[in-house]
């Protein structure tokens, strides 16, 4: 079980609260138990925190406090053609241990919350509960349960296949029965399916309607793996809440997303990660397909930025995966800025935007009094140079220090 730690005061840092355009300088952040008790001018916070029993005061002058990162597209059981195919061969006990270790490594990369967008079986629910209870070290988990797809649809090997409105309704109800926080479906083909095309629509309108009707009636949002523009646009018109990947976003589609308040999780790393593909010996057909979509995918992200679409960070690659000298999560941040987002907008995408979509904007993805103490301390100023996120000196999740280079 998690043990109680001393109160912590991070003193003298600049603070990005997850939303505000302006970064506050020379601030104090007082952490007590699992919450942020006070944020404000450092002298005031130190004075108030002096009433606590032996608080630890960390001199953070020149550093920046940001909220713990939220990665909105994660598969802790990621299994892909090549070396990662071995993950699909693990039995349930071995897979549970594998996922727990991936969760631990994700937290140590500064990701304090993840949205699992399709997981084999129901191990994700047990892992979520174990982390919440403090028995297992990892980020907060919000999960869709199994990906829902048509027979032979994208990700069918480790998903809940269904056909027809009744079949899809039953599949959605089954995920909710086991504790799904939201629903994920495959709207089209993808990169990792050898016998499919990215541009192929894989759901009929009545099947999609069944998913949306049941999920929304039960208070769950729906997100979709989506490639081509036309079926994606139709899904949004019918009530889709979030688009994953969006390889073919157009001006018209982005305007509709803004109008309907639909969030976009670009996962831009997946079409420009040759280093990752080579390291894990992905087959040539998959590498060629993914990398060939790189330019169009990048154009989609640029289009979404230009139209002001709500964008949340998601890597698809494991959050901690080594990529271009950093983690996949931080590399995704850097790509967002390279595509036209300001560092502020990118950090917002990695914090409060995801929290808001999850309905947790008051408690995660922010540095505010009463919120969970999910905090990162960055040596430099990521609002001036997003690559400063490569250097994390402190990671706190729920008041528990999990990485500390100041001790």
Protein backbone atom coordinates (compact mmCIF):
# COMPACT_ATOMS: atom_id res chain seq x y z
CA UNK A 1 0.00 0.00 0.00
CA UNK A 2 1.07 3.60 -0.56
CA UNK A 3 2.72 5.12 2.50
CA UNK A 4 2.15 8.67 3.69
CA UNK A 5 4.93 11.07 2.76
CA UNK A 6 5.97 14.36 4.29
CA UNK A 7 4.33 17.48 3.00
CA UNK A 8 6.29 18.95 0.11
CA UNK A 9 6.75 22.58 -0.84
CA UNK A 10 8.22 23.30 -4.26
CA UNK A 11 9.61 26.79 -3.80
CA UNK A 12 10.59 29.51 -6.25
CA UNK A 13 9.56 27.84 -9.50
CA UNK A 14 7.53 29.22 -12.35
CA UNK A 15 4.18 27.42 -12.64
CA UNK A 16 2.17 26.43 -15.70
CA UNK A 17 -1.25 25.50 -14.33
CA UNK A 18 -2.42 23.57 -17.39
CA UNK A 19 -4.59 26.35 -18.81
CA UNK A 20 -3.48 29.94 -18.25
CA UNK A 21 -1.72 31.78 -21.03
CA UNK A 22 0.54 33.45 -18.48
CA UNK A 23 3.06 31.47 -16.45
CA UNK A 24 3.33 32.64 -12.85
CA UNK A 25 6.89 33.32 -11.64
CA UNK A 26 8.47 32.72 -8.23
CA UNK A 27 5.66 30.51 -6.99
CA UNK A 28 5.25 27.97 -4.25
CA UNK A 29 3.30 24.71 -4.55
CA UNK A 30 2.38 23.00 -1.28
CA UNK A 31 1.56 19.29 -1.53
CA UNK A 32 -0.17 17.66 1.45
CA UNK A 33 -1.29 14.02 1.36
CA UNK A 34 -2.48 13.36 -2.22
CA UNK A 35 -3.60 16.92 -3.03
CA UNK A 36 -2.30 20.35 -3.87
CA UNK A 37 -3.09 22.38 -0.78
CA UNK A 38 -1.83 25.79 -1.87
CA UNK A 39 -0.41 27.49 -4.97
CA UNK A 40 0.74 31.09 -4.90
CA UNK A 41 3.59 33.52 -4.29
CA UNK A 42 6.41 31.59 -2.69
CA UNK A 43 6.65 33.66 0.50
CA UNK A 44 2.95 33.23 1.23
CA UNK A 45 3.02 29.49 0.57
CA UNK A 46 6.12 28.97 2.73
CA UNK A 47 4.54 30.89 5.57
CA UNK A 48 1.35 28.83 5.44
CA UNK A 49 3.17 25.52 4.98
CA UNK A 50 5.31 26.19 8.06
CA UNK A 51 2.31 25.08 10.11
CA UNK A 52 2.73 21.53 8.77
CA UNK A 53 4.82 18.95 10.61
CA UNK A 54 8.35 19.02 9.15
CA UNK A 55 7.52 19.82 5.52
CA UNK A 56 10.19 19.25 2.90
CA UNK A 57 11.09 22.48 1.09
CA UNK A 58 12.59 22.01 -2.38
CA UNK A 59 14.39 25.00 -3.86
CA UNK A 60 13.23 25.05 -7.48
CA UNK A 61 14.42 28.47 -8.61
CA UNK A 62 14.77 28.54 -12.39
CA UNK A 63 12.68 25.39 -12.86
CA UNK A 64 9.07 25.00 -14.02
CA UNK A 65 6.20 23.09 -12.44
CA UNK A 66 3.75 21.59 -14.94
CA UNK A 67 0.86 19.17 -14.41
CA UNK A 68 1.57 15.48 -14.82
CA UNK A 69 1.12 14.57 -18.48
CA UNK A 70 -2.01 12.81 -19.76
CA UNK A 71 -1.43 10.44 -22.68
CA UNK A 72 -4.79 9.88 -24.36
CA UNK A 73 -3.90 7.00 -26.71
CA UNK A 74 -2.14 4.13 -24.99
CA UNK A 75 -2.00 0.34 -25.27
CA UNK A 76 -0.08 -1.11 -22.33
CA UNK A 77 -0.40 -4.48 -24.07
CA UNK A 78 0.85 -3.14 -27.39
CA UNK A 79 1.34 -6.06 -29.80
CA UNK A 80 2.45 -5.37 -33.38
CA UNK A 81 3.96 -7.42 -36.20
CA UNK A 82 7.65 -7.96 -35.48
CA UNK A 83 9.28 -8.30 -32.08
CA UNK A 84 6.21 -6.97 -30.29
CA UNK A 85 4.13 -9.88 -31.60
CA UNK A 86 5.42 -11.82 -28.59
CA UNK A 87 3.09 -9.77 -26.37
CA UNK A 88 0.08 -11.37 -28.08
CA UNK A 89 1.39 -14.81 -27.08
CA UNK A 90 1.49 -14.10 -23.33
CA UNK A 91 -1.06 -15.85 -21.14
CA UNK A 92 -3.19 -13.69 -18.86
CA UNK A 93 -0.94 -13.84 -15.74
CA UNK A 94 2.16 -12.98 -17.77
CA UNK A 95 0.31 -10.22 -19.62
CA UNK A 96 -0.87 -8.70 -16.35
CA UNK A 97 2.72 -8.49 -15.11
CA UNK A 98 3.86 -7.10 -18.47
CA UNK A 99 1.22 -4.38 -18.40
CA UNK A 100 2.03 -3.49 -14.81
CA UNK A 101 5.68 -2.94 -15.75
CA UNK A 102 4.70 -0.83 -18.77
CA UNK A 103 2.50 1.23 -16.46
CA UNK A 104 5.38 1.77 -14.03
CA UNK A 105 7.72 2.87 -16.82
CA UNK A 106 5.06 5.20 -18.22
CA UNK A 107 4.74 6.94 -14.85
CA UNK A 108 8.50 7.29 -14.62
CA UNK A 109 8.37 9.08 -18.00
CA UNK A 110 6.16 11.78 -16.46
CA UNK A 111 2.80 10.40 -17.63
CA UNK A 112 0.54 10.45 -14.59
CA UNK A 113 -2.69 9.54 -16.41
CA UNK A 114 -3.38 7.36 -19.45
CA UNK A 115 -6.41 6.64 -21.56
CA UNK A 116 -6.27 3.01 -22.71
CA UNK A 117 -7.80 2.81 -26.18
CA UNK A 118 -8.40 -0.91 -26.43
CA UNK A 119 -6.90 -3.69 -24.30
CA UNK A 120 -6.96 -7.47 -24.60
CA UNK A 121 -9.35 -9.24 -22.24
CA UNK A 122 -10.15 -7.38 -19.04
CA UNK A 123 -6.76 -7.09 -17.39
CA UNK A 124 -6.93 -3.31 -17.71
CA UNK A 125 -9.72 -3.09 -15.14
CA UNK A 126 -7.77 -5.07 -12.54
CA UNK A 127 -4.67 -2.97 -13.20
CA UNK A 128 -6.65 0.27 -12.92
CA UNK A 129 -8.05 -0.80 -9.55
CA UNK A 130 -4.67 -1.96 -8.26
CA UNK A 131 -3.05 1.35 -9.16
CA UNK A 132 -5.92 3.32 -7.62
CA UNK A 133 -5.55 1.39 -4.38
CA UNK A 134 -1.82 2.11 -4.22
CA UNK A 135 -0.74 -1.54 -4.53
CA UNK A 136 0.76 -1.04 -8.01
CA UNK A 137 2.86 1.87 -9.24
CA UNK A 138 1.51 3.45 -12.38
CA UNK A 139 -0.50 6.30 -13.90
CA UNK A 140 -4.21 6.80 -13.37
CA UNK A 141 -5.98 4.59 -15.88
CA UNK A 142 -9.10 5.46 -17.86
CA UNK A 143 -9.96 2.57 -20.13
CA UNK A 144 -12.28 1.56 -22.96
CA UNK A 145 -11.94 -2.13 -22.19
CA UNK A 146 -11.82 -4.01 -25.46
CA UNK A 147 -11.74 -2.23 -28.80
CA UNK A 148 -15.05 -2.84 -30.60
CA UNK A 149 -14.76 -3.64 -34.30
CA UNK A 150 -16.56 -5.44 -37.12
CA UNK A 151 -15.64 -9.04 -37.87
CA UNK A 152 -12.14 -8.87 -39.35
CA UNK A 153 -12.01 -5.13 -38.66
CA UNK A 154 -8.98 -3.17 -37.55
CA UNK A 155 -7.46 -4.76 -34.45
CA UNK A 156 -9.75 -7.81 -34.57
CA UNK A 157 -7.06 -10.14 -33.23
CA UNK A 158 -7.36 -8.74 -29.69
CA UNK A 159 -10.73 -6.99 -29.79
CA UNK A 160 -14.46 -7.59 -29.42
CA UNK A 161 -15.78 -8.34 -32.90
CA UNK A 162 -19.41 -7.61 -33.72
CA UNK A 163 -21.77 -7.36 -36.68
CA UNK A 164 -25.11 -5.62 -37.08
CA UNK A 165 -26.72 -3.13 -34.69
CA UNK A 166 -27.63 -5.80 -32.13
CA UNK A 167 -24.11 -7.20 -32.14
CA UNK A 168 -22.51 -3.80 -31.65
CA UNK A 169 -24.99 -2.86 -28.93
CA UNK A 170 -24.13 -6.06 -27.05
CA UNK A 171 -20.40 -5.41 -27.45
CA UNK A 172 -20.74 -1.91 -26.00
CA UNK A 173 -22.87 -3.13 -23.11
CA UNK A 174 -20.28 -5.79 -22.35
CA UNK A 175 -17.49 -3.22 -22.01
CA UNK A 176 -19.64 -1.05 -19.75
CA UNK A 177 -20.53 -4.13 -17.68
CA UNK A 178 -16.86 -4.67 -16.93
CA UNK A 179 -16.25 -1.01 -16.04
CA UNK A 180 -15.31 0.82 -19.25
CA UNK A 181 -14.85 4.57 -18.80
CA UNK A 182 -15.53 5.24 -22.49
CA UNK A 183 -15.95 3.24 -25.72
CA UNK A 184 -13.42 2.84 -28.53
CA UNK A 185 -14.35 1.51 -31.97
CA UNK A 186 -12.62 0.95 -35.28
CA UNK A 187 -14.22 3.11 -37.94
CA UNK A 188 -11.71 2.24 -40.67
CA UNK A 189 -8.64 0.19 -41.49
CA UNK A 190 -5.20 0.98 -40.10
CA UNK A 191 -1.46 0.60 -40.37
CA UNK A 192 -1.03 -2.74 -38.60
CA UNK A 193 -3.66 -4.76 -40.47
CA UNK A 194 -1.99 -6.67 -43.27
CA UNK A 195 -5.23 -7.47 -45.09
CA UNK A 196 -6.92 -4.09 -44.85
CA UNK A 197 -6.54 -0.56 -46.16
CA UNK A 198 -6.38 2.64 -44.14
CA UNK A 199 -9.03 4.17 -46.41
CA UNK A 200 -11.63 1.41 -45.98
CA UNK A 201 -14.73 2.22 -43.94
CA UNK A 202 -15.52 -0.75 -41.67
CA UNK A 203 -18.86 0.18 -40.04
CA UNK A 204 -22.34 0.59 -41.44
CA UNK A 205 -24.32 3.62 -40.32
CA UNK A 206 -26.79 1.53 -38.32
CA UNK A 207 -23.91 -0.19 -36.50
CA UNK A 208 -22.36 3.14 -35.63
CA UNK A 209 -25.73 4.46 -34.45
CA UNK A 210 -26.08 1.49 -32.12
CA UNK A 211 -22.68 2.15 -30.55
CA UNK A 212 -23.39 5.84 -30.05
CA UNK A 213 -26.93 5.32 -28.74
CA UNK A 214 -25.95 2.76 -26.11
CA UNK A 215 -22.73 4.46 -25.02
CA UNK A 216 -24.29 7.90 -24.67
CA UNK A 217 -27.35 6.52 -22.88
CA UNK A 218 -24.97 5.01 -20.32
CA UNK A 219 -22.99 8.25 -19.98
CA UNK A 220 -19.92 7.11 -21.93
CA UNK A 221 -18.19 9.03 -24.68
CA UNK A 222 -17.12 7.30 -27.88
CA UNK A 223 -13.82 7.65 -29.70
CA UNK A 224 -12.86 6.03 -32.98
CA UNK A 225 -9.80 4.85 -34.83
CA UNK A 226 -10.42 6.85 -38.00
CA UNK A 227 -8.52 7.24 -41.24
CA UNK A 228 -10.52 8.51 -44.24
CA UNK A 229 -12.38 11.82 -44.21
CA UNK A 230 -15.84 10.81 -45.44
CA UNK A 231 -16.73 8.12 -42.87
CA UNK A 232 -15.11 10.23 -40.16
CA UNK A 233 -17.29 13.18 -41.07
CA UNK A 234 -20.41 11.02 -41.08
CA UNK A 235 -19.52 9.59 -37.68
CA UNK A 236 -19.14 13.10 -36.25
CA UNK A 237 -22.50 14.12 -37.67
CA UNK A 238 -24.00 11.12 -35.88
CA UNK A 239 -22.41 12.04 -32.55
CA UNK A 240 -18.81 10.76 -32.34
CA UNK A 241 -16.91 12.46 -29.50
CA UNK A 242 -13.26 12.00 -30.49
CA UNK A 243 -11.11 11.11 -33.50
CA UNK A 244 -7.95 9.01 -33.17
CA UNK A 245 -5.19 9.41 -35.80
CA UNK A 246 -7.31 11.26 -38.38
CA UNK A 247 -4.98 10.55 -41.28
CA UNK A 248 -7.16 12.44 -43.77
CA UNK A 249 -8.55 15.53 -42.07
CA UNK A 250 -9.85 18.20 -44.43
CA UNK A 251 -10.87 21.83 -43.95
CA UNK A 252 -14.55 20.88 -44.01
CA UNK A 253 -14.04 18.06 -41.53
CA UNK A 254 -12.08 20.29 -39.13
CA UNK A 255 -14.76 22.97 -39.26
CA UNK A 256 -17.32 20.32 -38.34
CA UNK A 257 -15.14 19.09 -35.46
CA UNK A 258 -14.94 22.62 -34.07
CA UNK A 259 -18.69 23.10 -34.47
CA UNK A 260 -19.50 19.82 -32.68
CA UNK A 261 -16.79 20.11 -30.03
CA UNK A 262 -15.00 16.95 -31.16
CA UNK A 263 -11.48 16.33 -29.86
CA UNK A 264 -8.61 15.14 -32.05
CA UNK A 265 -5.84 12.83 -30.83
CA UNK A 266 -3.36 12.86 -33.74
CA UNK A 267 -0.74 10.30 -32.61
CA UNK A 268 1.55 11.92 -35.17
CA UNK A 269 4.50 9.74 -34.12
CA UNK A 270 3.01 6.62 -35.73
CA UNK A 271 3.72 7.77 -39.27
CA UNK A 272 7.25 9.10 -38.66
CA UNK A 273 8.90 6.55 -36.37
CA UNK A 274 11.27 4.58 -38.60
CA UNK A 275 13.70 4.23 -35.68
CA UNK A 276 10.99 2.55 -33.58
CA UNK A 277 9.94 0.30 -36.46
CA UNK A 278 13.50 -0.83 -37.11
CA UNK A 279 14.26 -1.45 -33.44
CA UNK A 280 11.26 -3.76 -33.16
CA UNK A 281 11.80 -5.40 -36.57
CA UNK A 282 8.44 -4.42 -38.00
CA UNK A 283 7.76 -6.05 -41.38
CA UNK A 284 8.49 -4.04 -44.50
CA UNK A 285 4.83 -3.91 -45.56
CA UNK A 286 3.84 -2.19 -42.31
CA UNK A 287 6.74 0.26 -42.34
CA UNK A 288 6.07 1.21 -45.95
CA UNK A 289 2.35 1.75 -45.29
CA UNK A 290 2.82 3.84 -42.16
CA UNK A 291 5.65 6.00 -43.44
CA UNK A 292 3.89 6.56 -46.77
CA UNK A 293 1.06 8.25 -44.85
CA UNK A 294 3.48 10.58 -43.07
CA UNK A 295 2.99 13.66 -45.24
CA UNK A 296 -0.81 13.41 -45.37
CA UNK A 297 -1.02 12.74 -41.63
CA UNK A 298 1.17 15.79 -40.94
CA UNK A 299 -1.03 17.90 -43.20
CA UNK A 300 -4.05 16.74 -41.18
CA UNK A 301 -2.45 17.91 -37.95
CA UNK A 302 -1.55 21.26 -39.50
CA UNK A 303 -5.13 21.64 -40.75
CA UNK A 304 -6.56 20.85 -37.32
CA UNK A 305 -4.24 23.40 -35.69
CA UNK A 306 -5.16 26.06 -38.23
CA UNK A 307 -8.89 25.60 -37.60
CA UNK A 308 -8.59 25.55 -33.82
CA UNK A 309 -9.70 21.94 -33.32
CA UNK A 310 -9.44 20.75 -29.71
CA UNK A 311 -6.31 18.58 -29.69
CA UNK A 312 -5.21 16.14 -26.99
CA UNK A 313 -1.88 14.36 -26.86
CA UNK A 314 -1.69 10.63 -27.52
CA UNK A 315 1.33 8.63 -28.63
CA UNK A 316 -0.08 5.18 -29.56
CA UNK A 317 3.49 4.02 -29.00
CA UNK A 318 4.10 3.14 -25.35
CA UNK A 319 4.34 6.45 -23.44
CA UNK A 320 7.89 5.74 -22.28
CA UNK A 321 9.14 4.19 -25.54
CA UNK A 322 12.58 5.45 -26.53
CA UNK A 323 12.24 7.60 -29.61
CA UNK A 324 14.64 10.17 -31.07
CA UNK A 325 16.52 10.48 -27.80
CA UNK A 326 13.47 10.97 -25.59
CA UNK A 327 10.15 9.31 -24.82
CA UNK A 328 7.37 8.89 -27.36
CA UNK A 329 5.19 11.18 -25.25
CA UNK A 330 7.68 14.06 -25.26
CA UNK A 331 8.46 13.48 -28.96
CA UNK A 332 4.74 13.82 -29.69
CA UNK A 333 4.80 17.16 -27.88
CA UNK A 334 7.76 18.30 -29.97
CA UNK A 335 6.06 17.23 -33.20
CA UNK A 336 2.95 19.22 -32.24
CA UNK A 337 5.03 22.35 -31.84
CA UNK A 338 6.88 21.66 -35.08
CA UNK A 339 3.50 21.40 -36.84
CA UNK A 340 2.45 24.84 -35.67
CA UNK A 341 1.23 24.68 -32.07
CA UNK A 342 2.76 27.01 -29.52
CA UNK A 343 4.51 25.28 -26.60
CA UNK A 344 1.64 26.53 -24.42
CA UNK A 345 -0.95 24.92 -26.71
CA UNK A 346 1.00 21.67 -26.85
CA UNK A 347 1.33 21.48 -23.06
CA UNK A 348 -2.37 22.25 -22.73
CA UNK A 349 -3.04 19.37 -25.15
CA UNK A 350 -0.96 17.13 -22.90
CA UNK A 351 -2.72 18.16 -19.70
CA UNK A 352 -6.05 19.96 -19.32
CA UNK A 353 -7.53 19.11 -22.73
CA UNK A 354 -7.35 15.39 -22.02
CA UNK A 355 -8.57 15.92 -18.47
CA UNK A 356 -11.59 17.83 -19.73
CA UNK A 357 -12.49 15.10 -22.25
CA UNK A 358 -12.32 12.56 -19.43
CA UNK A 359 -14.56 14.74 -17.26
CA UNK A 360 -11.76 15.20 -14.71
CA UNK A 361 -10.69 18.77 -15.43
CA UNK A 362 -10.98 19.86 -11.79
CA UNK A 363 -8.72 17.15 -10.40
CA UNK A 364 -6.06 16.17 -12.97
CA UNK A 365 -4.17 17.94 -15.75
CA UNK A 366 -3.91 21.10 -13.67
CA UNK A 367 -1.92 22.78 -10.90
CA UNK A 368 -4.66 24.16 -8.71
CA UNK A 369 -5.65 23.97 -5.07
CA UNK A 370 -7.68 20.85 -4.31
CA UNK A 371 -6.52 18.95 -7.39
CA UNK A 372 -4.56 15.73 -7.17
CA UNK A 373 -0.86 16.44 -6.71
CA UNK A 374 0.20 15.12 -10.13
CA UNK A 375 3.22 17.32 -10.83
CA UNK A 376 6.39 17.46 -12.87
CA UNK A 377 9.40 19.68 -12.27
CA UNK A 378 11.25 20.63 -15.43
CA UNK A 379 14.77 22.01 -15.26
CA UNK A 380 14.19 24.73 -17.84
CA UNK A 381 11.20 26.55 -19.32
CA UNK A 382 9.10 24.36 -21.66
CA UNK A 383 6.90 27.35 -22.48
CA UNK A 384 9.95 28.86 -24.21
CA UNK A 385 11.37 25.59 -25.57
CA UNK A 386 9.19 22.48 -25.51
CA UNK A 387 12.28 20.27 -25.59
CA UNK A 388 12.89 21.24 -21.96
CA UNK A 389 10.35 18.49 -21.24
CA UNK A 390 13.14 16.02 -21.94
CA UNK A 391 14.69 16.89 -18.55
CA UNK A 392 12.38 15.96 -15.68
CA UNK A 393 13.91 16.26 -12.21
CA UNK A 394 10.83 15.47 -10.12
CA UNK A 395 7.69 13.39 -10.72
CA UNK A 396 4.88 13.39 -8.17
CA UNK A 397 1.67 11.43 -8.60
CA UNK A 398 -1.09 11.80 -6.05
CA UNK A 399 1.37 13.31 -3.60
CA UNK A 400 3.74 10.36 -3.92
CA UNK A 401 7.22 11.21 -5.21
CA UNK A 402 8.19 8.59 -7.78
CA UNK A 403 11.25 10.30 -9.30
CA UNK A 404 13.47 12.73 -7.42
CA UNK A 405 16.82 13.95 -8.66
CA UNK A 406 17.03 16.48 -5.81
CA UNK A 407 17.21 13.99 -2.94
